Amino acid sequence: MLLKDLFFKGLSFDKFLESAEEVYRSKMEKIKNSINMEKDLVNKIKKISKKIYILVFAEAWCPDCQINLPGVSFISDLNENIDLRIVSREGNDEAIKKYRINGKPRIPIFVIMDENFNELGVFIELPTILKEIIARGNETETLVSKRKYKKGEYVKDTINDVLKIIGL
């Protein structure tokens, strides 16, 4: 199935939240409500004039989805040109095959597309800064960073990774 077709079958963030168990919904709402962005960045996001489609493969039970989805939903809320839809990873194995890491599917997968549904880029599982920290191999730094990440302290980095793909 084409990404475009999957996109139009996807749920909005609000519908996704409605379908999630309370414990997962609560965590995502808490993270989204804690996002505090600089006015300059908010204004830049609001000025994006090209249509952007973001198809997300996610599951509500997934901690990385609970952490990263609220940030991308936040930027979608700021600009109606950024349209976000979420589909389950389950049942979409063929569509996510090319996004596997070391042969394994990792979620969330944010496929960022232009107005013609051409892929601009992909965000998979973790923000770049956290991947870099883990790759350095310093156990203490990794442990501290993962704790901060689980509290939602890297949501802005997820947002920045997605904005770089959009071209902002």
C-alpha atoms as a PDB file:
ATOM      1  CA  MET A   1       0.000   0.000   0.000  1.00  0.00           C
ATOM      2  CA  LEU A   2       1.228   3.463  -0.850  1.00  0.00           C
ATOM      3  CA  LEU A   3       2.188   5.858   1.916  1.00  0.00           C
ATOM      4  CA  LYS A   4      -0.447   8.275   0.616  1.00  0.00           C
ATOM      5  CA  ASP A   5      -3.177   5.646   0.990  1.00  0.00           C
ATOM      6  CA  LEU A   6      -1.974   4.772   4.491  1.00  0.00           C
ATOM      7  CA  PHE A   7      -1.901   8.453   5.397  1.00  0.00           C
ATOM      8  CA  PHE A   8      -5.569   8.917   4.594  1.00  0.00           C
ATOM      9  CA  LYS A   9      -6.454   5.811   6.621  1.00  0.00           C
ATOM     10  CA  GLY A  10      -4.567   7.177   9.628  1.00  0.00           C
ATOM     11  CA  LEU A  11      -5.886   8.763  12.790  1.00  0.00           C
ATOM     12  CA  SER A  12      -5.366  12.317  13.943  1.00  0.00           C
ATOM     13  CA  PHE A  13      -3.387  12.673  17.167  1.00  0.00           C
ATOM     14  CA  ASP A  14      -6.603  13.366  19.102  1.00  0.00           C
ATOM     15  CA  LYS A  15      -8.309  10.237  17.714  1.00  0.00           C
ATOM     16  CA  PHE A  16      -5.158   8.237  18.461  1.00  0.00           C
ATOM     17  CA  LEU A  17      -5.275   9.494  22.059  1.00  0.00           C
ATOM     18  CA  GLU A  18      -8.958   8.574  22.319  1.00  0.00           C
ATOM     19  CA  SER A  19      -8.141   5.010  21.293  1.00  0.00           C
ATOM     20  CA  ALA A  20      -5.249   4.693  23.771  1.00  0.00           C
ATOM     21  CA  GLU A  21      -5.483   3.256  27.269  1.00  0.00           C
ATOM     22  CA  GLU A  22      -5.711   5.934  29.961  1.00  0.00           C
ATOM     23  CA  VAL A  23      -2.175   5.391  31.301  1.00  0.00           C
ATOM     24  CA  TYR A  24      -0.659   5.949  27.826  1.00  0.00           C
ATOM     25  CA  ARG A  25      -2.994   8.837  26.967  1.00  0.00           C
ATOM     26  CA  SER A  26      -2.107  10.532  30.249  1.00  0.00           C
ATOM     27  CA  LYS A  27       1.639  10.306  29.602  1.00  0.00           C
ATOM     28  CA  MET A  28       1.302  11.732  26.076  1.00  0.00           C
ATOM     29  CA  GLU A  29      -0.921  14.583  27.262  1.00  0.00           C
ATOM     30  CA  LYS A  30       1.501  15.398  30.085  1.00  0.00           C
ATOM     31  CA  ILE A  31       4.457  15.563  27.685  1.00  0.00           C
ATOM     32  CA  LYS A  32       2.562  17.664  25.147  1.00  0.00           C
ATOM     33  CA  ASN A  33       1.393  20.089  27.823  1.00  0.00           C
ATOM     34  CA  SER A  34       4.950  20.513  29.100  1.00  0.00           C
ATOM     35  CA  ILE A  35       6.358  21.669  25.750  1.00  0.00           C
ATOM     36  CA  ASN A  36       7.618  25.224  26.008  1.00  0.00           C
ATOM     37  CA  MET A  37       9.157  26.567  22.815  1.00  0.00           C
ATOM     38  CA  GLU A  38      10.907  29.819  22.094  1.00  0.00           C
ATOM     39  CA  LYS A  39       8.710  32.398  20.343  1.00  0.00           C
ATOM     40  CA  ASP A  40      11.096  32.643  17.387  1.00  0.00           C
ATOM     41  CA  LEU A  41      10.792  28.927  16.657  1.00  0.00           C
ATOM     42  CA  VAL A  42       7.014  28.990  17.106  1.00  0.00           C
ATOM     43  CA  ASN A  43       6.791  31.881  14.637  1.00  0.00           C
ATOM     44  CA  LYS A  44       9.007  30.028  12.116  1.00  0.00           C
ATOM     45  CA  ILE A  45       6.776  26.958  12.363  1.00  0.00           C
ATOM     46  CA  LYS A  46       3.668  29.088  11.897  1.00  0.00           C
ATOM     47  CA  LYS A  47       5.178  30.598   8.728  1.00  0.00           C
ATOM     48  CA  ILE A  48       5.683  27.276   6.916  1.00  0.00           C
ATOM     49  CA  SER A  49       3.645  27.811   3.781  1.00  0.00           C
ATOM     50  CA  LYS A  50       4.168  24.502   1.987  1.00  0.00           C
ATOM     51  CA  LYS A  51       1.956  21.490   2.635  1.00  0.00           C
ATOM     52  CA  ILE A  52       3.668  18.804   4.721  1.00  0.00           C
ATOM     53  CA  TYR A  53       2.260  15.356   5.416  1.00  0.00           C
ATOM     54  CA  ILE A  54       3.611  13.321   8.315  1.00  0.00           C
ATOM     55  CA  LEU A  55       2.663   9.657   8.427  1.00  0.00           C
ATOM     56  CA  VAL A  56       3.483   8.006  11.732  1.00  0.00           C
ATOM     57  CA  PHE A  57       3.733   4.302  12.413  1.00  0.00           C
ATOM     58  CA  ALA A  58       3.143   4.001  16.142  1.00  0.00           C
ATOM     59  CA  GLU A  59       1.541   2.101  18.994  1.00  0.00           C
ATOM     60  CA  ALA A  60       0.165   3.763  22.127  1.00  0.00           C
ATOM     61  CA  TRP A  61       1.895   1.219  24.410  1.00  0.00           C
ATOM     62  CA  CYS A  62       5.351   2.090  23.015  1.00  0.00           C
ATOM     63  CA  PRO A  63       7.343   4.397  25.343  1.00  0.00           C
ATOM     64  CA  ASP A  64       9.203   6.030  22.424  1.00  0.00           C
ATOM     65  CA  CYS A  65       5.866   6.788  20.742  1.00  0.00           C
ATOM     66  CA  GLN A  66       4.504   8.241  23.977  1.00  0.00           C
ATOM     67  CA  ILE A  67       7.531  10.535  24.179  1.00  0.00           C
ATOM     68  CA  ASN A  68       7.923  11.624  20.546  1.00  0.00           C
ATOM     69  CA  LEU A  69       4.363  11.808  19.198  1.00  0.00           C
ATOM     70  CA  PRO A  70       3.326  14.743  21.399  1.00  0.00           C
ATOM     71  CA  GLY A  71       6.136  16.914  20.025  1.00  0.00           C
ATOM     72  CA  VAL A  72       5.252  16.323  16.398  1.00  0.00           C
ATOM     73  CA  SER A  73       1.580  16.808  17.223  1.00  0.00           C
ATOM     74  CA  PHE A  74       2.547  20.119  18.828  1.00  0.00           C
ATOM     75  CA  ILE A  75       4.072  21.464  15.599  1.00  0.00           C
ATOM     76  CA  SER A  76       1.123  20.152  13.598  1.00  0.00           C
ATOM     77  CA  ASP A  77      -1.195  22.114  15.904  1.00  0.00           C
ATOM     78  CA  LEU A  78       0.800  25.292  15.233  1.00  0.00           C
ATOM     79  CA  ASN A  79       0.405  25.138  11.460  1.00  0.00           C
ATOM     80  CA  GLU A  80      -2.497  23.713   9.471  1.00  0.00           C
ATOM     81  CA  ASN A  81      -0.103  23.061   6.566  1.00  0.00           C
ATOM     82  CA  ILE A  82       1.493  20.303   8.643  1.00  0.00           C
ATOM     83  CA  ASP A  83      -0.902  17.370   8.552  1.00  0.00           C
ATOM     84  CA  LEU A  84      -0.239  14.461  10.910  1.00  0.00           C
ATOM     85  CA  ARG A  85      -1.795  10.984  10.700  1.00  0.00           C
ATOM     86  CA  ILE A  86      -1.011   7.884  12.737  1.00  0.00           C
ATOM     87  CA  VAL A  87      -1.324   4.234  11.740  1.00  0.00           C
ATOM     88  CA  SER A  88      -0.474   1.099  13.632  1.00  0.00           C
ATOM     89  CA  ARG A  89       2.865  -0.580  13.100  1.00  0.00           C
ATOM     90  CA  GLU A  90       1.049  -3.866  13.370  1.00  0.00           C
ATOM     91  CA  GLY A  91      -0.280  -4.983  10.021  1.00  0.00           C
ATOM     92  CA  ASN A  92       1.929  -2.564   8.074  1.00  0.00           C
ATOM     93  CA  ASP A  93       5.075  -4.698   7.934  1.00  0.00           C
ATOM     94  CA  GLU A  94       5.500  -4.256   4.194  1.00  0.00           C
ATOM     95  CA  ALA A  95       5.203  -0.453   4.381  1.00  0.00           C
ATOM     96  CA  ILE A  96       7.822  -0.151   7.134  1.00  0.00           C
ATOM     97  CA  LYS A  97      10.252  -2.750   5.787  1.00  0.00           C
ATOM     98  CA  LYS A  98      12.625  -0.128   4.339  1.00  0.00           C
ATOM     99  CA  TYR A  99      12.764   1.760   7.663  1.00  0.00           C
ATOM    100  CA  ARG A 100      14.067  -1.144   9.740  1.00  0.00           C
ATOM    101  CA  ILE A 101      17.197  -0.690  11.816  1.00  0.00           C
ATOM    102  CA  ASN A 102      19.498  -3.703  11.858  1.00  0.00           C
ATOM    103  CA  GLY A 103      16.652  -5.720  10.388  1.00  0.00           C
ATOM    104  CA  LYS A 104      14.189  -4.802  13.142  1.00  0.00           C
ATOM    105  CA  PRO A 105      11.238  -2.422  12.997  1.00  0.00           C
ATOM    106  CA  ARG A 106      11.593   0.464  15.453  1.00  0.00           C
ATOM    107  CA  ILE A 107       8.826   2.885  16.275  1.00  0.00           C
ATOM    108  CA  PRO A 108       7.762   5.569  16.071  1.00  0.00           C
ATOM    109  CA  ILE A 109       8.530   6.071  12.410  1.00  0.00           C
ATOM    110  CA  PHE A 110       7.700   9.568  11.163  1.00  0.00           C
ATOM    111  CA  VAL A 111       7.681   9.673   7.365  1.00  0.00           C
ATOM    112  CA  ILE A 112       7.756  13.331   6.357  1.00  0.00           C
ATOM    113  CA  MET A 113       6.390  14.016   2.871  1.00  0.00           C
ATOM    114  CA  ASP A 114       5.823  17.017   0.634  1.00  0.00           C
ATOM    115  CA  GLU A 115       2.535  18.101  -0.937  1.00  0.00           C
ATOM    116  CA  ASN A 116       2.858  15.339  -3.558  1.00  0.00           C
ATOM    117  CA  PHE A 117       3.585  12.667  -0.945  1.00  0.00           C
ATOM    118  CA  ASN A 118       7.238  12.463  -1.961  1.00  0.00           C
ATOM    119  CA  GLU A 119       9.344  11.419   0.995  1.00  0.00           C
ATOM    120  CA  LEU A 120      11.495  14.241   2.365  1.00  0.00           C
ATOM    121  CA  GLY A 121      12.981  12.203   5.182  1.00  0.00           C
ATOM    122  CA  VAL A 122      12.327   9.968   8.135  1.00  0.00           C
ATOM    123  CA  PHE A 123      12.621  10.153  11.911  1.00  0.00           C
ATOM    124  CA  ILE A 124      12.928   6.750  13.556  1.00  0.00           C
ATOM    125  CA  GLU A 125      12.562   5.957  17.253  1.00  0.00           C
ATOM    126  CA  LEU A 126      14.946   8.426  18.944  1.00  0.00           C
ATOM    127  CA  PRO A 127      16.144  11.996  18.419  1.00  0.00           C
ATOM    128  CA  THR A 128      19.565  12.342  16.785  1.00  0.00           C
ATOM    129  CA  ILE A 129      21.189  13.808  19.894  1.00  0.00           C
ATOM    130  CA  LEU A 130      20.249  10.755  21.966  1.00  0.00           C
ATOM    131  CA  LYS A 131      21.484   8.384  19.252  1.00  0.00           C
ATOM    132  CA  GLU A 132      24.810  10.265  19.282  1.00  0.00           C
ATOM    133  CA  ILE A 133      25.091  10.041  23.073  1.00  0.00           C
ATOM    134  CA  ILE A 134      24.409   6.290  22.992  1.00  0.00           C
ATOM    135  CA  ALA A 135      26.938   5.825  20.156  1.00  0.00           C
ATOM    136  CA  ARG A 136      29.688   7.479  22.236  1.00  0.00           C
ATOM    137  CA  GLY A 137      29.460   4.522  24.595  1.00  0.00           C
ATOM    138  CA  ASN A 138      29.822   6.386  27.877  1.00  0.00           C
ATOM    139  CA  GLU A 139      27.551   4.339  30.151  1.00  0.00           C
ATOM    140  CA  THR A 140      26.967   7.077  32.726  1.00  0.00           C
ATOM    141  CA  GLU A 141      26.163   9.705  30.099  1.00  0.00           C
ATOM    142  CA  THR A 142      23.862   7.249  28.320  1.00  0.00           C
ATOM    143  CA  LEU A 143      22.043   6.334  31.518  1.00  0.00           C
ATOM    144  CA  VAL A 144      21.512   9.957  32.549  1.00  0.00           C
ATOM    145  CA  SER A 145      20.386  10.907  29.027  1.00  0.00           C
ATOM    146  CA  LYS A 146      17.933   8.010  28.795  1.00  0.00           C
ATOM    147  CA  ARG A 147      16.394   9.012  32.137  1.00  0.00           C
ATOM    148  CA  LYS A 148      15.933  12.573  30.890  1.00  0.00           C
ATOM    149  CA  TYR A 149      14.545  11.266  27.591  1.00  0.00           C
ATOM    150  CA  LYS A 150      11.956   9.125  29.394  1.00  0.00           C
ATOM    151  CA  LYS A 151      10.774  12.236  31.245  1.00  0.00           C
ATOM    152  CA  GLY A 152      10.232  14.011  27.913  1.00  0.00           C
ATOM    153  CA  GLU A 153      13.263  16.275  28.169  1.00  0.00           C
ATOM    154  CA  TYR A 154      14.358  15.569  24.580  1.00  0.00           C
ATOM    155  CA  VAL A 155      11.011  16.363  22.920  1.00  0.00           C
ATOM    156  CA  LYS A 156      12.417  19.635  21.569  1.00  0.00           C
ATOM    157  CA  ASP A 157      15.206  17.632  19.912  1.00  0.00           C
ATOM    158  CA  THR A 158      12.610  15.421  18.232  1.00  0.00           C
ATOM    159  CA  ILE A 159      10.821  18.548  17.036  1.00  0.00           C
ATOM    160  CA  ASN A 160      14.099  19.996  15.713  1.00  0.00           C
ATOM    161  CA  ASP A 161      14.938  16.741  13.890  1.00  0.00           C
ATOM    162  CA  VAL A 162      11.543  16.796  12.162  1.00  0.00           C
ATOM    163  CA  LEU A 163      11.850  20.517  11.343  1.00  0.00           C
ATOM    164  CA  LYS A 164      15.261  19.900   9.734  1.00  0.00           C
ATOM    165  CA  ILE A 165      13.660  17.313   7.483  1.00  0.00           C
ATOM    166  CA  ILE A 166      10.908  19.796   6.577  1.00  0.00           C
ATOM    167  CA  GLY A 167      13.640  22.297   5.705  1.00  0.00           C
ATOM    168  CA  LEU A 168      13.283  24.739   8.563  1.00  0.00           C
END
